[in-house]
C-alpha atoms as a PDB file:
ATOM      1  CA  UNK A   1     -65.982 205.359 259.127  1.00  0.00           C
ATOM      2  CA  UNK A   2     -64.148 206.429 256.024  1.00  0.00           C
ATOM      3  CA  UNK A   3     -60.843 204.967 254.925  1.00  0.00           C
ATOM      4  CA  UNK A   4     -59.058 206.234 251.823  1.00  0.00           C
ATOM      5  CA  UNK A   5     -56.212 203.813 251.195  1.00  0.00           C
ATOM      6  CA  UNK A   6     -58.045 201.997 249.666  1.00  0.00           C
ATOM      7  CA  UNK A   7     -61.438 203.793 249.761  1.00  0.00           C
ATOM      8  CA  UNK A   8     -63.827 201.822 251.971  1.00  0.00           C
ATOM      9  CA  UNK A   9     -66.206 201.905 254.937  1.00  0.00           C
ATOM     10  CA  UNK A  10     -68.537 204.580 253.524  1.00  0.00           C
ATOM     11  CA  UNK A  11     -71.427 204.575 251.043  1.00  0.00           C
ATOM     12  CA  UNK A  12     -69.506 206.918 248.692  1.00  0.00           C
ATOM     13  CA  UNK A  13     -65.941 206.242 249.834  1.00  0.00           C
ATOM     14  CA  UNK A  14     -64.222 206.720 246.466  1.00  0.00           C
ATOM     15  CA  UNK A  15     -65.925 210.075 245.785  1.00  0.00           C
ATOM     16  CA  UNK A  16     -65.367 211.294 249.363  1.00  0.00           C
ATOM     17  CA  UNK A  17     -61.673 210.359 249.195  1.00  0.00           C
ATOM     18  CA  UNK A  18     -61.235 212.120 245.830  1.00  0.00           C
ATOM     19  CA  UNK A  19     -62.873 215.264 247.196  1.00  0.00           C
ATOM     20  CA  UNK A  20     -60.790 215.175 250.364  1.00  0.00           C
ATOM     21  CA  UNK A  21     -57.617 214.673 248.332  1.00  0.00           C
ATOM     22  CA  UNK A  22     -58.444 217.699 246.177  1.00  0.00           C
ATOM     23  CA  UNK A  23     -59.096 219.729 249.361  1.00  0.00           C
ATOM     24  CA  UNK A  24     -55.897 218.415 250.989  1.00  0.00           C
ATOM     25  CA  UNK A  25     -57.923 216.819 253.774  1.00  0.00           C
ATOM     26  CA  UNK A  26     -59.749 220.029 254.718  1.00  0.00           C
ATOM     27  CA  UNK A  27     -63.512 219.366 254.564  1.00  0.00           C
ATOM     28  CA  UNK A  28     -64.186 223.104 254.677  1.00  0.00           C
ATOM     29  CA  UNK A  29     -62.320 223.512 251.364  1.00  0.00           C
ATOM     30  CA  UNK A  30     -64.504 221.060 249.423  1.00  0.00           C
ATOM     31  CA  UNK A  31     -66.234 223.105 246.699  1.00  0.00           C
ATOM     32  CA  UNK A  32     -70.003 223.467 246.964  1.00  0.00           C
ATOM     33  CA  UNK A  33     -71.886 221.148 244.616  1.00  0.00           C
ATOM     34  CA  UNK A  34     -73.154 223.097 241.624  1.00  0.00           C
ATOM     35  CA  UNK A  35     -76.759 222.891 240.493  1.00  0.00           C
ATOM     36  CA  UNK A  36     -78.078 221.889 243.920  1.00  0.00           C
ATOM     37  CA  UNK A  37     -81.202 223.732 245.015  1.00  0.00           C
ATOM     38  CA  UNK A  38     -81.949 223.276 248.704  1.00  0.00           C
ATOM     39  CA  UNK A  39     -85.259 224.225 250.318  1.00  0.00           C
ATOM     40  CA  UNK A  40     -85.337 227.139 252.711  1.00  0.00           C
ATOM     41  CA  UNK A  41     -86.337 224.773 255.476  1.00  0.00           C
ATOM     42  CA  UNK A  42     -84.832 225.177 258.926  1.00  0.00           C
ATOM     43  CA  UNK A  43     -84.079 221.701 260.222  1.00  0.00           C
ATOM     44  CA  UNK A  44     -80.581 222.145 261.660  1.00  0.00           C
ATOM     45  CA  UNK A  45     -77.945 219.425 261.499  1.00  0.00           C
ATOM     46  CA  UNK A  46     -74.384 219.395 262.755  1.00  0.00           C
ATOM     47  CA  UNK A  47     -71.674 217.554 260.866  1.00  0.00           C
ATOM     48  CA  UNK A  48     -68.509 216.477 262.629  1.00  0.00           C
ATOM     49  CA  UNK A  49     -65.488 214.443 261.632  1.00  0.00           C
ATOM     50  CA  UNK A  50     -62.407 213.448 263.549  1.00  0.00           C
ATOM     51  CA  UNK A  51     -59.444 211.467 262.354  1.00  0.00           C
ATOM     52  CA  UNK A  52     -56.184 211.664 260.445  1.00  0.00           C
ATOM     53  CA  UNK A  53     -55.302 212.779 256.929  1.00  0.00           C
ATOM     54  CA  UNK A  54     -51.745 212.132 255.733  1.00  0.00           C
ATOM     55  CA  UNK A  55     -50.598 211.943 259.337  1.00  0.00           C
ATOM     56  CA  UNK A  56     -52.259 215.221 260.401  1.00  0.00           C
ATOM     57  CA  UNK A  57     -55.131 215.434 262.851  1.00  0.00           C
ATOM     58  CA  UNK A  58     -58.502 216.433 261.358  1.00  0.00           C
ATOM     59  CA  UNK A  59     -61.231 217.943 263.514  1.00  0.00           C
ATOM     60  CA  UNK A  60     -64.250 219.344 261.701  1.00  0.00           C
ATOM     61  CA  UNK A  61     -67.554 220.519 263.143  1.00  0.00           C
ATOM     62  CA  UNK A  62     -70.099 222.771 261.494  1.00  0.00           C
ATOM     63  CA  UNK A  63     -73.836 223.416 261.810  1.00  0.00           C
ATOM     64  CA  UNK A  64     -75.998 223.649 258.680  1.00  0.00           C
ATOM     65  CA  UNK A  65     -79.575 224.845 258.269  1.00  0.00           C
ATOM     66  CA  UNK A  66     -80.647 221.435 256.874  1.00  0.00           C
ATOM     67  CA  UNK A  67     -79.219 218.175 255.518  1.00  0.00           C
ATOM     68  CA  UNK A  68     -79.497 219.307 251.888  1.00  0.00           C
ATOM     69  CA  UNK A  69     -77.308 222.305 252.629  1.00  0.00           C
ATOM     70  CA  UNK A  70     -74.837 220.084 254.483  1.00  0.00           C
ATOM     71  CA  UNK A  71     -74.530 217.656 251.556  1.00  0.00           C
ATOM     72  CA  UNK A  72     -74.225 220.499 249.037  1.00  0.00           C
ATOM     73  CA  UNK A  73     -71.362 222.069 250.986  1.00  0.00           C
ATOM     74  CA  UNK A  74     -69.461 218.953 252.073  1.00  0.00           C
ATOM     75  CA  UNK A  75     -69.696 216.817 248.939  1.00  0.00           C
ATOM     76  CA  UNK A  76     -69.741 213.071 249.436  1.00  0.00           C
ATOM     77  CA  UNK A  77     -68.075 213.166 252.863  1.00  0.00           C
ATOM     78  CA  UNK A  78     -71.371 213.353 254.784  1.00  0.00           C
ATOM     79  CA  UNK A  79     -73.563 211.717 252.112  1.00  0.00           C
ATOM     80  CA  UNK A  80     -74.521 208.387 253.664  1.00  0.00           C
ATOM     81  CA  UNK A  81     -77.326 207.512 251.233  1.00  0.00           C
ATOM     82  CA  UNK A  82     -76.883 204.441 249.099  1.00  0.00           C
END
């Protein structure tokens, strides 16, 4: 769970909320993290999110080749590490 007013419920809630605000709630618009080198390892993961952003429904689902690639392309939203 991620809540943004105030940021809570997520390991990196403040960063995820900032990134979502900059992308106007569209996870697909979050800029790729720079300087991240991911291995060419095929270990597919699927990221999905469902909820509301400023009163609008959000439904996001995308498959990535591995978790490093997912984190690099979705910022803090799907980064659950502490």
